[in-house]
């Protein structure tokens, strides 16, 4: 079954929104190299709040892209990693992120000046 992003009721829109959200992209990239604890992910993604990261990871987990393992210890120990399909998605967004970083100067130069009226 193939999704249809152009159809308003297609669930693929929700998955696309989760993957391409500001924090979704960064969470997927951070998890590409290894399994990480919540606090490590948060420290690595500079600027994300605890609430937003928790929500993002939960959405990615519900979409089957991230695996969450909670260990029954005190204090709580929770680890996050990519599922096989999550790794595929992470590789795609990593390509886009690399392109943006490599072309940042061109992108800045292509922006209209604040004085231009378009």
PDB file of N, CA and C in Angstrom:
ATOM      1  N   UNK A   1       0.844  -1.179   0.000  1.00  0.00           N
ATOM      2  CA  UNK A   1       0.000   0.000   0.000  1.00  0.00           C
ATOM      3  C   UNK A   1       0.891   1.245   0.000  1.00  0.00           C
ATOM      4  N   UNK A   2       0.605   2.142  -0.880  1.00  0.00           N
ATOM      5  CA  UNK A   2       1.355   3.390  -0.981  1.00  0.00           C
ATOM      6  C   UNK A   2       0.495   4.536  -0.469  1.00  0.00           C
ATOM      7  N   UNK A   3       1.090   5.440   0.294  1.00  0.00           N
ATOM      8  CA  UNK A   3       0.367   6.614   0.773  1.00  0.00           C
ATOM      9  C   UNK A   3       0.206   7.646  -0.333  1.00  0.00           C
ATOM     10  N   UNK A   4      -0.610   8.631  -0.079  1.00  0.00           N
ATOM     11  CA  UNK A   4      -0.835   9.730  -1.019  1.00  0.00           C
ATOM     12  C   UNK A   4      -0.800  11.034  -0.235  1.00  0.00           C
ATOM     13  N   UNK A   5       0.354  11.674  -0.207  1.00  0.00           N
ATOM     14  CA  UNK A   5       0.535  12.893   0.578  1.00  0.00           C
ATOM     15  C   UNK A   5      -0.388  14.029   0.145  1.00  0.00           C
ATOM     16  N   UNK A   6      -0.878  13.971  -1.079  1.00  0.00           N
ATOM     17  CA  UNK A   6      -1.758  15.031  -1.568  1.00  0.00           C
ATOM     18  C   UNK A   6      -3.197  14.847  -1.102  1.00  0.00           C
ATOM     19  N   UNK A   7      -3.529  13.678  -0.574  1.00  0.00           N
ATOM     20  CA  UNK A   7      -4.882  13.415  -0.083  1.00  0.00           C
ATOM     21  C   UNK A   7      -4.981  13.854   1.371  1.00  0.00           C
ATOM     22  N   UNK A   8      -5.953  14.681   1.672  1.00  0.00           N
ATOM     23  CA  UNK A   8      -6.082  15.272   3.000  1.00  0.00           C
ATOM     24  C   UNK A   8      -6.238  14.228   4.102  1.00  0.00           C
ATOM     25  N   UNK A   9      -6.881  13.114   3.821  1.00  0.00           N
ATOM     26  CA  UNK A   9      -7.146  12.115   4.863  1.00  0.00           C
ATOM     27  C   UNK A   9      -6.088  11.022   4.955  1.00  0.00           C
ATOM     28  N   UNK A  10      -5.058  11.094   4.136  1.00  0.00           N
ATOM     29  CA  UNK A  10      -4.049  10.023   4.136  1.00  0.00           C
ATOM     30  C   UNK A  10      -3.154  10.131   5.373  1.00  0.00           C
ATOM     31  N   UNK A  11      -2.977   9.021   6.109  1.00  0.00           N
ATOM     32  CA  UNK A  11      -2.122   9.045   7.308  1.00  0.00           C
ATOM     33  C   UNK A  11      -0.655   9.345   7.001  1.00  0.00           C
ATOM     34  N   UNK A  12      -0.254   9.245   5.743  1.00  0.00           N
ATOM     35  CA  UNK A  12       1.136   9.558   5.397  1.00  0.00           C
ATOM     36  C   UNK A  12       1.464  11.018   5.698  1.00  0.00           C
ATOM     37  N   UNK A  13       0.446  11.873   5.691  1.00  0.00           N
ATOM     38  CA  UNK A  13       0.681  13.293   6.016  1.00  0.00           C
ATOM     39  C   UNK A  13       1.163  13.453   7.454  1.00  0.00           C
ATOM     40  N   UNK A  14       0.576  12.701   8.372  1.00  0.00           N
ATOM     41  CA  UNK A  14       1.007  12.788   9.772  1.00  0.00           C
ATOM     42  C   UNK A  14       2.445  12.308   9.925  1.00  0.00           C
ATOM     43  N   UNK A  15       2.767  11.192   9.279  1.00  0.00           N
ATOM     44  CA  UNK A  15       4.133  10.667   9.356  1.00  0.00           C
ATOM     45  C   UNK A  15       5.113  11.679   8.770  1.00  0.00           C
ATOM     46  N   UNK A  16       4.772  12.254   7.621  1.00  0.00           N
ATOM     47  CA  UNK A  16       5.643  13.258   6.983  1.00  0.00           C
ATOM     48  C   UNK A  16       5.824  14.458   7.906  1.00  0.00           C
ATOM     49  N   UNK A  17       4.758  14.881   8.553  1.00  0.00           N
ATOM     50  CA  UNK A  17       4.836  16.020   9.469  1.00  0.00           C
ATOM     51  C   UNK A  17       5.756  15.700  10.652  1.00  0.00           C
ATOM     52  N   UNK A  18       5.672  14.483  11.163  1.00  0.00           N
ATOM     53  CA  UNK A  18       6.523  14.093  12.293  1.00  0.00           C
ATOM     54  C   UNK A  18       7.994  14.018  11.882  1.00  0.00           C
ATOM     55  N   UNK A  19       8.252  13.410  10.737  1.00  0.00           N
ATOM     56  CA  UNK A  19       9.638  13.256  10.273  1.00  0.00           C
ATOM     57  C   UNK A  19      10.263  14.602   9.946  1.00  0.00           C
ATOM     58  N   UNK A  20       9.509  15.476   9.295  1.00  0.00           N
ATOM     59  CA  UNK A  20      10.092  16.730   8.804  1.00  0.00           C
ATOM     60  C   UNK A  20       9.914  17.909   9.757  1.00  0.00           C
ATOM     61  N   UNK A  21       9.386  17.655  10.946  1.00  0.00           N
ATOM     62  CA  UNK A  21       9.308  18.750  11.918  1.00  0.00           C
ATOM     63  C   UNK A  21      10.725  19.156  12.314  1.00  0.00           C
ATOM     64  N   UNK A  22      10.846  20.346  12.835  1.00  0.00           N
ATOM     65  CA  UNK A  22      12.165  20.846  13.242  1.00  0.00           C
ATOM     66  C   UNK A  22      12.882  19.837  14.135  1.00  0.00           C
ATOM     67  N   UNK A  23      12.198  19.336  15.153  1.00  0.00           N
ATOM     68  CA  UNK A  23      12.837  18.442  16.111  1.00  0.00           C
ATOM     69  C   UNK A  23      12.869  17.006  15.612  1.00  0.00           C
ATOM     70  N   UNK A  24      11.927  16.633  14.763  1.00  0.00           N
ATOM     71  CA  UNK A  24      11.914  15.276  14.205  1.00  0.00           C
ATOM     72  C   UNK A  24      13.154  15.003  13.365  1.00  0.00           C
ATOM     73  N   UNK A  25      13.481  15.934  12.491  1.00  0.00           N
ATOM     74  CA  UNK A  25      14.685  15.808  11.657  1.00  0.00           C
ATOM     75  C   UNK A  25      15.917  15.656  12.538  1.00  0.00           C
ATOM     76  N   UNK A  26      16.052  16.525  13.513  1.00  0.00           N
ATOM     77  CA  UNK A  26      17.248  16.510  14.360  1.00  0.00           C
ATOM     78  C   UNK A  26      17.317  15.259  15.226  1.00  0.00           C
ATOM     79  N   UNK A  27      16.181  14.809  15.747  1.00  0.00           N
ATOM     80  CA  UNK A  27      16.179  13.584  16.559  1.00  0.00           C
ATOM     81  C   UNK A  27      16.597  12.381  15.727  1.00  0.00           C
ATOM     82  N   UNK A  28      16.091  12.281  14.520  1.00  0.00           N
ATOM     83  CA  UNK A  28      16.472  11.163  13.654  1.00  0.00           C
ATOM     84  C   UNK A  28      17.971  11.190  13.357  1.00  0.00           C
ATOM     85  N   UNK A  29      18.497  12.363  13.069  1.00  0.00           N
ATOM     86  CA  UNK A  29      19.930  12.488  12.769  1.00  0.00           C
ATOM     87  C   UNK A  29      20.776  12.120  13.990  1.00  0.00           C
ATOM     88  N   UNK A  30      20.381  12.594  15.162  1.00  0.00           N
ATOM     89  CA  UNK A  30      21.144  12.316  16.388  1.00  0.00           C
ATOM     90  C   UNK A  30      21.183  10.814  16.685  1.00  0.00           C
ATOM     91  N   UNK A  31      20.099  10.118  16.370  1.00  0.00           N
ATOM     92  CA  UNK A  31      20.025   8.686  16.677  1.00  0.00           C
ATOM     93  C   UNK A  31      20.682   7.806  15.613  1.00  0.00           C
ATOM     94  N   UNK A  32      21.187   8.398  14.550  1.00  0.00           N
ATOM     95  CA  UNK A  32      21.782   7.602  13.470  1.00  0.00           C
ATOM     96  C   UNK A  32      23.014   6.827  13.908  1.00  0.00           C
ATOM     97  N   UNK A  33      23.825   7.417  14.778  1.00  0.00           N
ATOM     98  CA  UNK A  33      25.097   6.775  15.086  1.00  0.00           C
ATOM     99  C   UNK A  33      25.057   5.812  16.264  1.00  0.00           C
ATOM    100  N   UNK A  34      24.069   5.987  17.175  1.00  0.00           N
ATOM    101  CA  UNK A  34      24.026   5.079  18.319  1.00  0.00           C
ATOM    102  C   UNK A  34      22.743   5.252  19.119  1.00  0.00           C
ATOM    103  N   UNK A  35      22.511   4.304  20.003  1.00  0.00           N
ATOM    104  CA  UNK A  35      21.417   4.379  20.966  1.00  0.00           C
ATOM    105  C   UNK A  35      21.780   5.448  21.987  1.00  0.00           C
ATOM    106  N   UNK A  36      20.786   6.254  22.359  1.00  0.00           N
ATOM    107  CA  UNK A  36      21.065   7.348  23.291  1.00  0.00           C
ATOM    108  C   UNK A  36      19.976   7.466  24.344  1.00  0.00           C
ATOM    109  N   UNK A  37      20.363   7.994  25.486  1.00  0.00           N
ATOM    110  CA  UNK A  37      19.407   8.323  26.536  1.00  0.00           C
ATOM    111  C   UNK A  37      18.784   9.681  26.228  1.00  0.00           C
ATOM    112  N   UNK A  38      17.620   9.923  26.827  1.00  0.00           N
ATOM    113  CA  UNK A  38      16.875  11.159  26.584  1.00  0.00           C
ATOM    114  C   UNK A  38      17.747  12.390  26.828  1.00  0.00           C
ATOM    115  N   UNK A  39      18.417  12.417  27.966  1.00  0.00           N
ATOM    116  CA  UNK A  39      19.220  13.595  28.320  1.00  0.00           C
ATOM    117  C   UNK A  39      20.346  13.833  27.316  1.00  0.00           C
ATOM    118  N   UNK A  40      20.913  12.771  26.790  1.00  0.00           N
ATOM    119  CA  UNK A  40      21.987  12.914  25.795  1.00  0.00           C
ATOM    120  C   UNK A  40      21.434  13.492  24.493  1.00  0.00           C
ATOM    121  N   UNK A  41      20.248  13.030  24.096  1.00  0.00           N
ATOM    122  CA  UNK A  41      19.614  13.572  22.886  1.00  0.00           C
ATOM    123  C   UNK A  41      19.342  15.062  23.084  1.00  0.00           C
ATOM    124  N   UNK A  42      18.811  15.401  24.243  1.00  0.00           N
ATOM    125  CA  UNK A  42      18.463  16.802  24.521  1.00  0.00           C
ATOM    126  C   UNK A  42      19.701  17.697  24.529  1.00  0.00           C
ATOM    127  N   UNK A  43      20.782  17.220  25.111  1.00  0.00           N
ATOM    128  CA  UNK A  43      22.026  18.012  25.119  1.00  0.00           C
ATOM    129  C   UNK A  43      22.579  18.192  23.707  1.00  0.00           C
ATOM    130  N   UNK A  44      22.436  17.165  22.885  1.00  0.00           N
ATOM    131  CA  UNK A  44      22.975  17.219  21.528  1.00  0.00           C
ATOM    132  C   UNK A  44      22.164  18.160  20.635  1.00  0.00           C
ATOM    133  N   UNK A  45      20.843  18.152  20.814  1.00  0.00           N
ATOM    134  CA  UNK A  45      19.968  19.039  20.035  1.00  0.00           C
ATOM    135  C   UNK A  45      19.810  20.331  20.827  1.00  0.00           C
ATOM    136  N   UNK A  46      20.682  21.241  20.601  1.00  0.00           N
ATOM    137  CA  UNK A  46      20.695  22.505  21.311  1.00  0.00           C
ATOM    138  C   UNK A  46      19.397  23.276  21.069  1.00  0.00           C
ATOM    139  N   UNK A  47      18.719  23.658  22.168  1.00  0.00           N
ATOM    140  CA  UNK A  47      17.541  24.508  22.051  1.00  0.00           C
ATOM    141  C   UNK A  47      16.195  23.814  22.162  1.00  0.00           C
ATOM    142  N   UNK A  48      16.161  22.490  22.164  1.00  0.00           N
ATOM    143  CA  UNK A  48      14.878  21.792  22.272  1.00  0.00           C
ATOM    144  C   UNK A  48      14.474  21.680  23.736  1.00  0.00           C
ATOM    145  N   UNK A  49      13.199  21.933  24.006  1.00  0.00           N
ATOM    146  CA  UNK A  49      12.715  21.794  25.377  1.00  0.00           C
ATOM    147  C   UNK A  49      12.455  20.321  25.674  1.00  0.00           C
ATOM    148  N   UNK A  50      12.415  20.002  26.955  1.00  0.00           N
ATOM    149  CA  UNK A  50      12.128  18.635  27.376  1.00  0.00           C
ATOM    150  C   UNK A  50      10.774  18.177  26.837  1.00  0.00           C
ATOM    151  N   UNK A  51       9.797  19.052  26.942  1.00  0.00           N
ATOM    152  CA  UNK A  51       8.435  18.730  26.491  1.00  0.00           C
ATOM    153  C   UNK A  51       8.392  18.442  24.996  1.00  0.00           C
ATOM    154  N   UNK A  52       9.023  19.297  24.199  1.00  0.00           N
ATOM    155  CA  UNK A  52       8.990  19.117  22.745  1.00  0.00           C
ATOM    156  C   UNK A  52       9.757  17.864  22.322  1.00  0.00           C
ATOM    157  N   UNK A  53      10.878  17.596  22.968  1.00  0.00           N
ATOM    158  CA  UNK A  53      11.641  16.399  22.626  1.00  0.00           C
ATOM    159  C   UNK A  53      10.849  15.153  22.992  1.00  0.00           C
ATOM    160  N   UNK A  54      10.241  15.166  24.150  1.00  0.00           N
ATOM    161  CA  UNK A  54       9.431  14.026  24.580  1.00  0.00           C
ATOM    162  C   UNK A  54       8.290  13.778  23.596  1.00  0.00           C
ATOM    163  N   UNK A  55       7.613  14.835  23.196  1.00  0.00           N
ATOM    164  CA  UNK A  55       6.509  14.725  22.233  1.00  0.00           C
ATOM    165  C   UNK A  55       7.010  14.214  20.881  1.00  0.00           C
ATOM    166  N   UNK A  56       8.123  14.743  20.424  1.00  0.00           N
ATOM    167  CA  UNK A  56       8.688  14.339  19.133  1.00  0.00           C
ATOM    168  C   UNK A  56       9.080  12.866  19.144  1.00  0.00           C
ATOM    169  N   UNK A  57       9.785  12.437  20.179  1.00  0.00           N
ATOM    170  CA  UNK A  57      10.204  11.041  20.272  1.00  0.00           C
ATOM    171  C   UNK A  57       9.000  10.111  20.363  1.00  0.00           C
ATOM    172  N   UNK A  58       7.974  10.542  21.069  1.00  0.00           N
ATOM    173  CA  UNK A  58       6.752   9.744  21.181  1.00  0.00           C
ATOM    174  C   UNK A  58       6.071   9.590  19.824  1.00  0.00           C
ATOM    175  N   UNK A  59       5.993  10.673  19.060  1.00  0.00           N
ATOM    176  CA  UNK A  59       5.396  10.606  17.723  1.00  0.00           C
ATOM    177  C   UNK A  59       6.198   9.697  16.806  1.00  0.00           C
ATOM    178  N   UNK A  60       7.518   9.823  16.847  1.00  0.00           N
ATOM    179  CA  UNK A  60       8.368   8.981  16.001  1.00  0.00           C
ATOM    180  C   UNK A  60       8.277   7.517  16.423  1.00  0.00           C
ATOM    181  N   UNK A  61       8.098   7.282  17.706  1.00  0.00           N
ATOM    182  CA  UNK A  61       7.908   5.917  18.197  1.00  0.00           C
ATOM    183  C   UNK A  61       6.576   5.361  17.701  1.00  0.00           C
ATOM    184  N   UNK A  62       5.518   6.152  17.775  1.00  0.00           N
ATOM    185  CA  UNK A  62       4.204   5.719  17.291  1.00  0.00           C
ATOM    186  C   UNK A  62       4.207   5.447  15.793  1.00  0.00           C
ATOM    187  N   UNK A  63       5.060   6.143  15.059  1.00  0.00           N
ATOM    188  CA  UNK A  63       5.178   5.931  13.621  1.00  0.00           C
ATOM    189  C   UNK A  63       6.064   4.733  13.288  1.00  0.00           C
ATOM    190  N   UNK A  64       6.679   4.118  14.306  1.00  0.00           N
ATOM    191  CA  UNK A  64       7.518   2.955  14.081  1.00  0.00           C
ATOM    192  C   UNK A  64       8.944   3.278  13.680  1.00  0.00           C
ATOM    193  N   UNK A  65       9.356   4.532  13.864  1.00  0.00           N
ATOM    194  CA  UNK A  65      10.689   4.958  13.442  1.00  0.00           C
ATOM    195  C   UNK A  65      11.715   4.903  14.568  1.00  0.00           C
ATOM    196  N   UNK A  66      11.235   5.038  15.784  1.00  0.00           N
ATOM    197  CA  UNK A  66      12.110   5.052  16.959  1.00  0.00           C
ATOM    198  C   UNK A  66      11.659   3.967  17.926  1.00  0.00           C
ATOM    199  N   UNK A  67      12.637   3.301  18.526  1.00  0.00           N
ATOM    200  CA  UNK A  67      12.361   2.287  19.547  1.00  0.00           C
ATOM    201  C   UNK A  67      12.742   2.869  20.901  1.00  0.00           C
ATOM    202  N   UNK A  68      11.836   2.740  21.859  1.00  0.00           N
ATOM    203  CA  UNK A  68      12.054   3.237  23.215  1.00  0.00           C
ATOM    204  C   UNK A  68      12.129   2.034  24.144  1.00  0.00           C
ATOM    205  N   UNK A  69      13.203   1.966  24.937  1.00  0.00           N
ATOM    206  CA  UNK A  69      13.358   0.895  25.914  1.00  0.00           C
ATOM    207  C   UNK A  69      13.515   1.531  27.286  1.00  0.00           C
ATOM    208  N   UNK A  70      12.584   1.188  28.192  1.00  0.00           N
ATOM    209  CA  UNK A  70      12.634   1.695  29.568  1.00  0.00           C
ATOM    210  C   UNK A  70      13.095   0.572  30.482  1.00  0.00           C
ATOM    211  N   UNK A  71      14.129   0.832  31.258  1.00  0.00           N
ATOM    212  CA  UNK A  71      14.660  -0.153  32.196  1.00  0.00           C
ATOM    213  C   UNK A  71      14.069   0.095  33.575  1.00  0.00           C
ATOM    214  N   UNK A  72      13.629  -0.959  34.265  1.00  0.00           N
ATOM    215  CA  UNK A  72      12.988  -0.802  35.580  1.00  0.00           C
ATOM    216  C   UNK A  72      14.009  -0.579  36.702  1.00  0.00           C
ATOM    217  N   UNK A  73      14.611   0.590  36.683  1.00  0.00           N
ATOM    218  CA  UNK A  73      15.609   0.939  37.703  1.00  0.00           C
ATOM    219  C   UNK A  73      15.280   2.322  38.257  1.00  0.00           C
ATOM    220  N   UNK A  74      15.907   2.650  39.369  1.00  0.00           N
ATOM    221  CA  UNK A  74      15.759   3.974  39.961  1.00  0.00           C
ATOM    222  C   UNK A  74      17.139   4.607  40.002  1.00  0.00           C
ATOM    223  N   UNK A  75      17.323   5.791  39.428  1.00  0.00           N
ATOM    224  CA  UNK A  75      16.358   6.577  38.676  1.00  0.00           C
ATOM    225  C   UNK A  75      16.034   5.924  37.336  1.00  0.00           C
ATOM    226  N   UNK A  76      14.925   6.350  36.702  1.00  0.00           N
ATOM    227  CA  UNK A  76      14.524   5.745  35.430  1.00  0.00           C
ATOM    228  C   UNK A  76      15.628   5.844  34.376  1.00  0.00           C
ATOM    229  N   UNK A  77      15.757   4.795  33.611  1.00  0.00           N
ATOM    230  CA  UNK A  77      16.754   4.737  32.535  1.00  0.00           C
ATOM    231  C   UNK A  77      16.013   4.361  31.263  1.00  0.00           C
ATOM    232  N   UNK A  78      15.957   5.299  30.315  1.00  0.00           N
ATOM    233  CA  UNK A  78      15.257   5.078  29.055  1.00  0.00           C
ATOM    234  C   UNK A  78      16.232   5.326  27.917  1.00  0.00           C
ATOM    235  N   UNK A  79      16.224   4.417  26.960  1.00  0.00           N
ATOM    236  CA  UNK A  79      17.095   4.548  25.785  1.00  0.00           C
ATOM    237  C   UNK A  79      16.254   4.586  24.521  1.00  0.00           C
ATOM    238  N   UNK A  80      16.759   5.343  23.546  1.00  0.00           N
ATOM    239  CA  UNK A  80      16.096   5.486  22.251  1.00  0.00           C
ATOM    240  C   UNK A  80      17.063   5.060  21.151  1.00  0.00           C
ATOM    241  N   UNK A  81      16.519   4.384  20.163  1.00  0.00           N
ATOM    242  CA  UNK A  81      17.305   3.996  18.993  1.00  0.00           C
ATOM    243  C   UNK A  81      16.389   3.993  17.777  1.00  0.00           C
ATOM    244  N   UNK A  82      16.987   3.926  16.614  1.00  0.00           N
ATOM    245  CA  UNK A  82      16.212   3.872  15.380  1.00  0.00           C
ATOM    246  C   UNK A  82      15.818   2.434  15.065  1.00  0.00           C
ATOM    247  N   UNK A  83      14.627   2.256  14.544  1.00  0.00           N
ATOM    248  CA  UNK A  83      14.221   0.965  13.997  1.00  0.00           C
ATOM    249  C   UNK A  83      14.816   0.882  12.590  1.00  0.00           C
ATOM    250  N   UNK A  84      14.763  -0.272  11.945  1.00  0.00           N
ATOM    251  CA  UNK A  84      15.287  -0.342  10.568  1.00  0.00           C
ATOM    252  C   UNK A  84      14.631   0.681   9.623  1.00  0.00           C
ATOM    253  N   UNK A  85      13.323   0.846   9.715  1.00  0.00           N
ATOM    254  CA  UNK A  85      12.664   1.822   8.844  1.00  0.00           C
ATOM    255  C   UNK A  85      12.994   3.250   9.282  1.00  0.00           C
ATOM    256  N   UNK A  86      13.229   3.438  10.574  1.00  0.00           N
ATOM    257  CA  UNK A  86      13.660   4.734  11.079  1.00  0.00           C
ATOM    258  C   UNK A  86      15.036   5.107  10.555  1.00  0.00           C
ATOM    259  N   UNK A  87      15.912   4.119  10.434  1.00  0.00           N
ATOM    260  CA  UNK A  87      17.242   4.360   9.868  1.00  0.00           C
ATOM    261  C   UNK A  87      17.120   4.827   8.414  1.00  0.00           C
ATOM    262  N   UNK A  88      16.223   4.197   7.659  1.00  0.00           N
ATOM    263  CA  UNK A  88      16.002   4.620   6.263  1.00  0.00           C
ATOM    264  C   UNK A  88      15.558   6.076   6.211  1.00  0.00           C
ATOM    265  N   UNK A  89      14.600   6.438   7.069  1.00  0.00           N
ATOM    266  CA  UNK A  89      14.109   7.818   7.100  1.00  0.00           C
ATOM    267  C   UNK A  89      15.231   8.770   7.517  1.00  0.00           C
ATOM    268  N   UNK A  90      16.016   8.379   8.517  1.00  0.00           N
ATOM    269  CA  UNK A  90      17.112   9.226   9.000  1.00  0.00           C
ATOM    270  C   UNK A  90      18.139   9.482   7.902  1.00  0.00           C
ATOM    271  N   UNK A  91      18.424   8.474   7.097  1.00  0.00           N
ATOM    272  CA  UNK A  91      19.381   8.657   6.003  1.00  0.00           C
ATOM    273  C   UNK A  91      18.864   9.679   5.000  1.00  0.00           C
ATOM    274  N   UNK A  92      17.563   9.660   4.741  1.00  0.00           N
ATOM    275  CA  UNK A  92      16.970  10.622   3.800  1.00  0.00           C
ATOM    276  C   UNK A  92      17.048  12.042   4.350  1.00  0.00           C
ATOM    277  N   UNK A  93      16.667  12.239   5.616  1.00  0.00           N
ATOM    278  CA  UNK A  93      16.713  13.591   6.165  1.00  0.00           C
ATOM    279  C   UNK A  93      18.151  14.053   6.374  1.00  0.00           C
ATOM    280  N   UNK A  94      19.078  13.116   6.611  1.00  0.00           N
ATOM    281  CA  UNK A  94      20.499  13.486   6.722  1.00  0.00           C
ATOM    282  C   UNK A  94      21.000  14.036   5.393  1.00  0.00           C
ATOM    283  N   UNK A  95      20.576  13.428   4.291  1.00  0.00           N
ATOM    284  CA  UNK A  95      20.956  13.944   2.968  1.00  0.00           C
ATOM    285  C   UNK A  95      20.459  15.375   2.783  1.00  0.00           C
ATOM    286  N   UNK A  96      19.223  15.632   3.167  1.00  0.00           N
ATOM    287  CA  UNK A  96      18.672  16.986   3.053  1.00  0.00           C
ATOM    288  C   UNK A  96      19.421  17.952   3.965  1.00  0.00           C
ATOM    289  N   UNK A  97      19.680  17.539   5.200  1.00  0.00           N
ATOM    290  CA  UNK A  97      20.406  18.398   6.139  1.00  0.00           C
ATOM    291  C   UNK A  97      21.808  18.712   5.619  1.00  0.00           C
ATOM    292  N   UNK A  98      22.484  17.706   5.053  1.00  0.00           N
ATOM    293  CA  UNK A  98      23.811  17.938   4.477  1.00  0.00           C
ATOM    294  C   UNK A  98      23.741  18.953   3.345  1.00  0.00           C
ATOM    295  N   UNK A  99      22.730  18.818   2.492  1.00  0.00           N
ATOM    296  CA  UNK A  99      22.570  19.736   1.364  1.00  0.00           C
ATOM    297  C   UNK A  99      22.379  21.169   1.880  1.00  0.00           C
ATOM    298  N   UNK A 100      21.525  21.333   2.895  1.00  0.00           N
ATOM    299  CA  UNK A 100      21.283  22.668   3.454  1.00  0.00           C
ATOM    300  C   UNK A 100      22.576  23.249   4.009  1.00  0.00           C
ATOM    301  N   UNK A 101      23.306  22.462   4.796  1.00  0.00           N
ATOM    302  CA  UNK A 101      24.550  22.971   5.387  1.00  0.00           C
ATOM    303  C   UNK A 101      25.588  23.309   4.323  1.00  0.00           C
ATOM    304  N   UNK A 102      25.716  22.463   3.305  1.00  0.00           N
ATOM    305  CA  UNK A 102      26.699  22.709   2.246  1.00  0.00           C
ATOM    306  C   UNK A 102      26.348  23.918   1.389  1.00  0.00           C
ATOM    307  N   UNK A 103      25.076  24.218   1.287  1.00  0.00           N
ATOM    308  CA  UNK A 103      24.627  25.310   0.420  1.00  0.00           C
ATOM    309  C   UNK A 103      24.158  26.532   1.198  1.00  0.00           C
ATOM    310  N   UNK A 104      24.511  26.616   2.452  1.00  0.00           N
ATOM    311  CA  UNK A 104      24.030  27.704   3.295  1.00  0.00           C
ATOM    312  C   UNK A 104      24.372  29.070   2.718  1.00  0.00           C
ATOM    313  N   UNK A 105      25.577  29.256   2.235  1.00  0.00           N
ATOM    314  CA  UNK A 105      25.972  30.557   1.674  1.00  0.00           C
ATOM    315  C   UNK A 105      25.093  30.909   0.474  1.00  0.00           C
ATOM    316  N   UNK A 106      24.875  29.969  -0.411  1.00  0.00           N
ATOM    317  CA  UNK A 106      24.018  30.206  -1.589  1.00  0.00           C
ATOM    318  C   UNK A 106      22.586  30.511  -1.166  1.00  0.00           C
ATOM    319  N   UNK A 107      22.109  29.806  -0.148  1.00  0.00           N
ATOM    320  CA  UNK A 107      20.745  30.028   0.316  1.00  0.00           C
ATOM    321  C   UNK A 107      20.588  31.422   0.918  1.00  0.00           C
ATOM    322  N   UNK A 108      21.583  31.847   1.691  1.00  0.00           N
ATOM    323  CA  UNK A 108      21.544  33.189   2.282  1.00  0.00           C
ATOM    324  C   UNK A 108      21.567  34.240   1.173  1.00  0.00           C
ATOM    325  N   UNK A 109      22.418  34.037   0.197  1.00  0.00           N
ATOM    326  CA  UNK A 109      22.524  34.990  -0.915  1.00  0.00           C
ATOM    327  C   UNK A 109      21.261  35.031  -1.760  1.00  0.00           C
ATOM    328  N   UNK A 110      20.520  33.932  -1.831  1.00  0.00           N
ATOM    329  CA  UNK A 110      19.300  33.867  -2.650  1.00  0.00           C
ATOM    330  C   UNK A 110      18.096  34.519  -1.970  1.00  0.00           C
ATOM    331  N   UNK A 111      18.212  34.814  -0.703  1.00  0.00           N
ATOM    332  CA  UNK A 111      17.094  35.417   0.013  1.00  0.00           C
ATOM    333  C   UNK A 111      16.879  36.837  -0.499  1.00  0.00           C
ATOM    334  N   UNK A 112      15.615  37.237  -0.629  1.00  0.00           N
ATOM    335  CA  UNK A 112      15.370  38.620  -1.031  1.00  0.00           C
ATOM    336  C   UNK A 112      15.818  39.569   0.064  1.00  0.00           C
ATOM    337  N   UNK A 113      16.301  40.714  -0.324  1.00  0.00           N
ATOM    338  CA  UNK A 113      16.716  41.697   0.678  1.00  0.00           C
ATOM    339  C   UNK A 113      15.480  42.253   1.349  1.00  0.00           C
ATOM    340  N   UNK A 114      15.611  42.716   2.588  1.00  0.00           N
ATOM    341  CA  UNK A 114      14.451  43.257   3.307  1.00  0.00           C
ATOM    342  C   UNK A 114      13.822  44.448   2.581  1.00  0.00           C
ATOM    343  N   UNK A 115      14.621  45.122   1.748  1.00  0.00           N
ATOM    344  CA  UNK A 115      14.126  46.316   1.031  1.00  0.00           C
ATOM    345  C   UNK A 115      13.293  45.953  -0.189  1.00  0.00           C
ATOM    346  N   UNK A 116      13.490  44.742  -0.736  1.00  0.00           N
ATOM    347  CA  UNK A 116      12.803  44.385  -1.979  1.00  0.00           C
ATOM    348  C   UNK A 116      11.332  44.133  -1.714  1.00  0.00           C
ATOM    349  N   UNK A 117      10.511  44.491  -2.680  1.00  0.00           N
ATOM    350  CA  UNK A 117       9.057  44.282  -2.567  1.00  0.00           C
ATOM    351  C   UNK A 117       8.658  43.251  -3.600  1.00  0.00           C
ATOM    352  N   UNK A 118       8.378  42.064  -3.114  1.00  0.00           N
ATOM    353  CA  UNK A 118       7.998  40.978  -4.020  1.00  0.00           C
ATOM    354  C   UNK A 118       6.787  40.272  -3.501  1.00  0.00           C
TER     355      UNK A 118
END
